[in-house]
Amino acid sequence: MPWHHPKYSMVIKRRVGHEAALPYDGGMWTHDHEGFRVVQLPALRDNYIYLILPQDQASCLVVDPATAEPVIDACRQLKRRPTHVLNTHHHWDHTGANLALKQMFDCRIIGSIEDRKRIPGLDLAVCGRKPTTLGGLNIRIIETPGHTGGHIAYLIKDALFCGDTLFGAGCGRIFEGTAEQMWSSLKRLSTLPSSTRVYCAHEYTLANLDFAACVDEDNPKLSMRIKQARARRKSGLPTVPSTLSLELETNPFLRVLDHEFRKHYAVQHGISADETSVFARLRKQKDAF
């Protein structure tokens, strides 16, 4: 089916102003960055797919397409054609539309070299040692194993597409890696500039904040974030993207970097106060929450 088929038509409101996130009809939001724009598409129950639109071009990049229809809808209305799909890891809710988009647009599929046998339609296997340029944008690839063995993140200037490694007020479950790997990955991301915008792949923030409130209840910045996040969701707005500075202040898994938080948590639970031990205990507690 051609990508401009009438089945995929929708009406999208014209963007006005420069707010961080403005809703389109159809549940889409746009975010401006220097030299490119990010369009945020909801999919499935709580996934986000991202389109990266380089300035003054007719192309776009697609990040973690769970399903094809939102991507096709958006490309139809924005008059953009995908040239590449960027997968953060192999799970089906991040790669489910790979083959359909590849067939429709003849785009190339990019993913981790560790996932070269598990990502559908993979054309280019990448690793953290080899940055790449697509659509005139320099893309840094950051290896972030833990959730899966081959998980990677993509950094484009101040936009971090981190899949299921770092969430709003949380982090991904450890399915294939170890706590040591996941903590190392989170620490790697924590060194990015504090203004970095965090484009994670799921709308999990409210549930994560419920957990955060149980382990960091005296944090006034966390209390403020909870109020703001609840208000956004009540208004039908996403809590994503956040910023790395906000995550460092309120995400319990990154709060492990704070000596006082770490020491207090370790004493409460009778464990060693080293970073990995505290992180591992927090992750297990969240798994059972």
Protein backbone atom coordinates (compact mmCIF):
# COMPACT_ATOMS: atom_id res chain seq x y z
CA MET A 1 0.00 0.00 0.00
CA PRO A 2 1.53 3.39 -0.95
CA TRP A 3 2.36 5.62 1.98
CA HIS A 4 0.05 8.37 0.70
CA HIS A 5 -2.97 6.04 0.61
CA PRO A 6 -6.14 7.84 1.85
CA LYS A 7 -6.47 5.29 4.65
CA TYR A 8 -3.65 7.09 6.38
CA SER A 9 -4.98 10.64 6.18
CA MET A 10 -5.55 12.69 9.35
CA VAL A 11 -5.90 16.32 10.29
CA ILE A 12 -3.04 17.81 12.30
CA LYS A 13 -3.20 21.23 13.88
CA ARG A 14 -0.67 23.77 12.70
CA ARG A 15 2.02 24.30 15.30
CA VAL A 16 2.12 27.73 16.90
CA GLY A 17 4.45 29.25 19.42
CA HIS A 18 7.50 27.61 20.94
CA GLU A 19 6.22 25.60 23.90
CA ALA A 20 8.15 22.46 24.78
CA ALA A 21 5.29 20.16 23.76
CA LEU A 22 2.18 21.07 21.81
CA PRO A 23 -0.54 18.51 21.03
CA TYR A 24 -1.61 17.72 17.49
CA ASP A 25 -4.92 16.08 16.64
CA GLY A 26 -4.28 12.36 16.64
CA GLY A 27 -2.14 12.44 19.79
CA MET A 28 1.12 13.87 18.48
CA TRP A 29 3.52 16.36 20.03
CA THR A 30 6.45 18.28 18.60
CA HIS A 31 9.69 19.43 20.23
CA ASP A 32 12.19 21.85 18.71
CA HIS A 33 15.96 21.40 18.83
CA GLU A 34 18.72 23.23 17.05
CA GLY A 35 18.73 21.94 13.48
CA PHE A 36 15.94 19.37 13.90
CA ARG A 37 12.52 18.70 15.36
CA VAL A 38 11.25 15.67 17.25
CA VAL A 39 7.69 14.44 16.72
CA GLN A 40 6.38 12.19 19.48
CA LEU A 41 3.78 9.55 18.60
CA PRO A 42 1.89 7.39 21.12
CA ALA A 43 1.55 3.71 20.24
CA LEU A 44 0.14 0.56 21.82
CA ARG A 45 -0.81 1.16 25.46
CA ASP A 46 2.12 3.27 26.66
CA ASN A 47 4.85 3.30 23.99
CA TYR A 48 6.29 6.35 22.28
CA ILE A 49 7.66 6.35 18.74
CA TYR A 50 9.79 9.29 17.69
CA LEU A 51 10.31 10.93 14.32
CA ILE A 52 13.44 13.04 13.96
CA LEU A 53 12.97 15.72 11.31
CA PRO A 54 16.19 17.37 10.09
CA GLN A 55 15.74 21.03 9.25
CA ASP A 56 15.05 21.93 5.60
CA GLN A 57 14.81 18.33 4.44
CA ALA A 58 12.05 16.06 3.21
CA SER A 59 13.37 13.04 5.10
CA CYS A 60 13.09 11.82 8.67
CA LEU A 61 14.43 9.16 11.01
CA VAL A 62 12.17 6.85 13.03
CA VAL A 63 13.06 5.67 16.54
CA ASP A 64 11.67 2.39 17.94
CA PRO A 65 8.56 1.91 15.78
CA ALA A 66 6.23 -0.39 17.68
CA THR A 67 3.52 -0.18 15.01
CA ALA A 68 3.49 1.20 11.49
CA GLU A 69 0.26 3.17 11.27
CA PRO A 70 1.21 6.14 13.53
CA VAL A 71 4.43 6.55 11.56
CA ILE A 72 2.65 6.40 8.22
CA ASP A 73 -0.01 8.86 9.41
CA ALA A 74 2.59 11.34 10.60
CA CYS A 75 4.80 11.06 7.51
CA ARG A 76 1.76 11.58 5.31
CA GLN A 77 0.78 14.78 7.09
CA LEU A 78 4.28 16.13 7.65
CA LYS A 79 5.30 15.34 4.06
CA ARG A 80 8.37 13.46 5.23
CA ARG A 81 9.78 10.16 4.07
CA PRO A 82 11.70 7.94 6.50
CA THR A 83 15.20 7.01 5.39
CA HIS A 84 16.28 5.11 8.51
CA VAL A 85 14.82 3.32 11.52
CA LEU A 86 16.84 3.51 14.73
CA ASN A 87 16.21 0.61 17.11
CA THR A 88 17.43 0.83 20.71
CA HIS A 89 16.98 -2.92 21.28
CA HIS A 90 15.34 -6.01 19.87
CA HIS A 91 12.07 -6.23 21.86
CA TRP A 92 8.99 -6.49 19.65
CA ASP A 93 7.39 -3.30 20.95
CA HIS A 94 10.40 -1.38 19.60
CA THR A 95 10.87 -3.22 16.31
CA GLY A 96 7.36 -4.40 15.41
CA ALA A 97 6.99 -2.07 12.41
CA ASN A 98 10.53 -2.49 11.03
CA LEU A 99 9.62 -4.73 8.12
CA ALA A 100 6.43 -2.87 7.19
CA LEU A 101 8.24 0.47 7.11
CA LYS A 102 11.14 -1.01 5.21
CA GLN A 103 8.79 -2.42 2.59
CA MET A 104 6.80 0.79 2.26
CA PHE A 105 9.62 3.36 2.34
CA ASP A 106 12.71 1.32 1.44
CA CYS A 107 14.35 2.68 4.59
CA ARG A 108 17.39 1.16 6.29
CA ILE A 109 17.22 -0.44 9.73
CA ILE A 110 19.90 0.39 12.30
CA GLY A 111 20.55 -1.42 15.57
CA SER A 112 23.20 -2.77 17.90
CA ILE A 113 25.83 -5.15 16.61
CA GLU A 114 24.89 -7.34 19.59
CA ASP A 115 21.34 -7.61 18.21
CA ARG A 116 22.30 -8.33 14.60
CA LYS A 117 20.43 -11.64 14.64
CA ARG A 118 17.44 -10.39 16.63
CA ILE A 119 16.34 -7.11 15.03
CA PRO A 120 13.98 -7.63 12.06
CA GLY A 121 15.36 -6.32 8.77
CA LEU A 122 18.62 -5.04 10.26
CA ASP A 123 20.84 -3.40 7.63
CA LEU A 124 23.47 -1.58 9.66
CA ALA A 125 24.85 -2.95 12.94
CA VAL A 126 26.46 -0.27 15.10
CA CYS A 127 28.36 0.05 18.37
CA GLY A 128 29.47 2.81 20.68
CA ARG A 129 32.85 3.15 18.99
CA LYS A 130 31.38 4.25 15.68
CA PRO A 131 29.28 7.44 15.54
CA THR A 132 27.28 7.97 12.39
CA THR A 133 25.77 10.82 10.37
CA LEU A 134 22.22 10.63 9.02
CA GLY A 135 20.17 13.41 7.47
CA GLY A 136 23.01 15.79 8.16
CA LEU A 137 22.78 15.03 11.90
CA ASN A 138 25.69 13.66 13.91
CA ILE A 139 24.47 10.71 15.98
CA ARG A 140 26.44 9.39 18.93
CA ILE A 141 25.72 5.78 19.81
CA ILE A 142 25.95 4.95 23.51
CA GLU A 143 26.09 1.34 24.64
CA THR A 144 23.64 0.84 27.52
CA PRO A 145 23.36 -2.90 28.28
CA GLY A 146 21.29 -4.10 31.21
CA HIS A 147 17.67 -4.20 30.12
CA THR A 148 18.92 -6.33 27.22
CA GLY A 149 22.43 -7.40 26.33
CA GLY A 150 22.65 -5.24 23.24
CA HIS A 151 20.70 -2.14 24.29
CA ILE A 152 21.98 1.15 22.85
CA ALA A 153 20.92 4.80 23.04
CA TYR A 154 21.17 7.51 20.40
CA LEU A 155 22.31 11.05 21.24
CA ILE A 156 21.67 13.86 18.77
CA LYS A 157 22.96 17.14 20.22
CA ASP A 158 20.79 17.61 23.34
CA ALA A 159 18.24 14.87 22.53
CA LEU A 160 18.75 11.43 24.09
CA PHE A 161 16.72 8.51 22.73
CA CYS A 162 17.31 5.96 25.46
CA GLY A 163 14.70 3.27 24.83
CA ASP A 164 14.13 1.23 27.98
CA THR A 165 17.33 2.08 29.86
CA LEU A 166 16.30 5.35 31.52
CA PHE A 167 12.65 6.27 32.10
CA GLY A 168 10.93 9.26 33.62
CA ALA A 169 11.69 8.71 37.34
CA GLY A 170 12.78 5.12 36.67
CA CYS A 171 14.88 2.67 34.72
CA GLY A 172 14.24 -0.51 32.78
CA ARG A 173 13.93 -3.97 34.25
CA ILE A 174 17.02 -6.11 34.01
CA PHE A 175 16.11 -8.96 31.67
CA GLU A 176 19.34 -10.05 30.00
CA GLY A 177 22.09 -8.08 31.72
CA THR A 178 23.22 -7.64 35.30
CA ALA A 179 22.71 -4.97 37.93
CA GLU A 180 26.34 -3.99 37.45
CA GLN A 181 25.79 -3.49 33.71
CA MET A 182 22.61 -1.48 34.19
CA TRP A 183 24.18 0.74 36.81
CA SER A 184 27.20 1.32 34.56
CA SER A 185 24.84 2.28 31.72
CA LEU A 186 22.90 4.72 33.90
CA LYS A 187 26.12 6.29 35.17
CA ARG A 188 27.26 6.70 31.57
CA LEU A 189 24.06 8.58 30.74
CA SER A 190 24.31 10.65 33.93
CA THR A 191 27.51 12.29 32.66
CA LEU A 192 25.73 13.94 29.72
CA PRO A 193 24.94 17.67 29.99
CA SER A 194 22.18 18.34 32.51
CA SER A 195 20.09 20.10 29.84
CA THR A 196 19.86 16.89 27.77
CA ARG A 197 16.23 16.03 27.01
CA VAL A 198 15.36 12.42 27.81
CA TYR A 199 13.16 10.78 25.18
CA CYS A 200 12.39 7.39 26.69
CA ALA A 201 10.17 4.81 25.03
CA HIS A 202 7.31 4.46 27.55
CA GLU A 203 4.90 6.60 29.54
CA TYR A 204 5.73 5.02 32.91
CA THR A 205 6.39 8.21 34.84
CA LEU A 206 3.43 8.25 37.25
CA ALA A 207 3.96 4.65 38.33
CA ASN A 208 7.68 5.31 38.73
CA LEU A 209 6.96 8.40 40.81
CA ASP A 210 4.76 6.35 43.14
CA PHE A 211 7.77 4.16 43.85
CA ALA A 212 10.11 7.14 44.13
CA ALA A 213 7.87 8.67 46.79
CA CYS A 214 8.28 5.55 48.92
CA VAL A 215 12.08 5.60 48.90
CA ASP A 216 12.77 9.35 48.71
CA GLU A 217 9.84 10.84 50.59
CA ASP A 218 11.69 13.87 51.99
CA ASN A 219 12.72 15.16 48.55
CA PRO A 220 10.83 18.46 47.87
CA LYS A 221 11.81 18.42 44.19
CA LEU A 222 10.23 14.98 43.90
CA SER A 223 7.00 16.25 45.48
CA MET A 224 6.86 19.07 42.94
CA ARG A 225 7.50 16.68 40.06
CA ILE A 226 4.66 14.41 41.20
CA LYS A 227 2.21 17.32 41.18
CA GLN A 228 3.34 18.49 37.75
CA ALA A 229 3.29 15.01 36.23
CA ARG A 230 -0.21 14.28 37.53
CA ALA A 231 -1.45 17.58 36.11
CA ARG A 232 0.05 16.82 32.70
CA ARG A 233 -1.49 13.37 32.51
CA LYS A 234 -4.86 14.69 33.67
CA SER A 235 -4.70 17.15 30.76
CA GLY A 236 -3.82 14.38 28.31
CA LEU A 237 -0.22 15.53 27.91
CA PRO A 238 2.91 13.38 28.07
CA THR A 239 5.42 13.57 30.89
CA VAL A 240 8.12 12.75 28.34
CA PRO A 241 10.60 14.18 27.53
CA SER A 242 12.10 15.11 30.86
CA THR A 243 15.58 16.52 31.31
CA LEU A 244 18.64 14.85 32.72
CA SER A 245 18.81 17.47 35.48
CA LEU A 246 15.28 16.55 36.57
CA GLU A 247 16.15 12.85 36.56
CA LEU A 248 19.26 13.45 38.65
CA GLU A 249 17.13 15.32 41.21
CA THR A 250 14.12 13.00 41.39
CA ASN A 251 14.79 9.61 39.79
CA PRO A 252 15.58 7.20 42.67
CA PHE A 253 17.93 5.15 40.51
CA LEU A 254 20.05 8.20 39.68
CA ARG A 255 19.71 9.48 43.24
CA VAL A 256 22.10 6.65 44.06
CA LEU A 257 24.80 9.09 42.93
CA ASP A 258 23.93 11.29 45.92
CA HIS A 259 26.00 10.24 48.92
CA GLU A 260 23.40 11.15 51.56
CA PHE A 261 20.57 9.36 49.75
CA ARG A 262 22.74 6.29 49.24
CA LYS A 263 23.93 6.18 52.83
CA HIS A 264 20.42 6.60 54.23
CA TYR A 265 19.00 3.86 51.99
CA ALA A 266 21.83 1.47 52.84
CA VAL A 267 21.31 1.93 56.57
CA GLN A 268 17.55 1.39 56.21
CA HIS A 269 18.04 -1.90 54.39
CA GLY A 270 21.19 -3.15 56.11
CA ILE A 271 23.33 -3.30 52.99
CA SER A 272 26.64 -1.94 51.83
CA ALA A 273 26.54 1.74 50.87
CA ASP A 274 28.44 1.30 47.61
CA GLU A 275 26.63 2.46 44.48
CA THR A 276 26.12 -0.93 42.85
CA SER A 277 24.71 -2.56 46.00
CA VAL A 278 22.24 0.26 46.58
CA PHE A 279 21.18 0.33 42.95
CA ALA A 280 20.69 -3.46 42.86
CA ARG A 281 18.57 -3.37 46.04
CA LEU A 282 16.45 -0.51 44.67
CA ARG A 283 15.88 -2.36 41.40
CA LYS A 284 14.76 -5.50 43.25
CA GLN A 285 12.46 -3.43 45.45
CA LYS A 286 10.92 -1.79 42.40
CA ASP A 287 10.42 -5.19 40.73
CA ALA A 288 8.24 -6.23 43.67
CA PHE A 289 6.50 -2.86 44.10
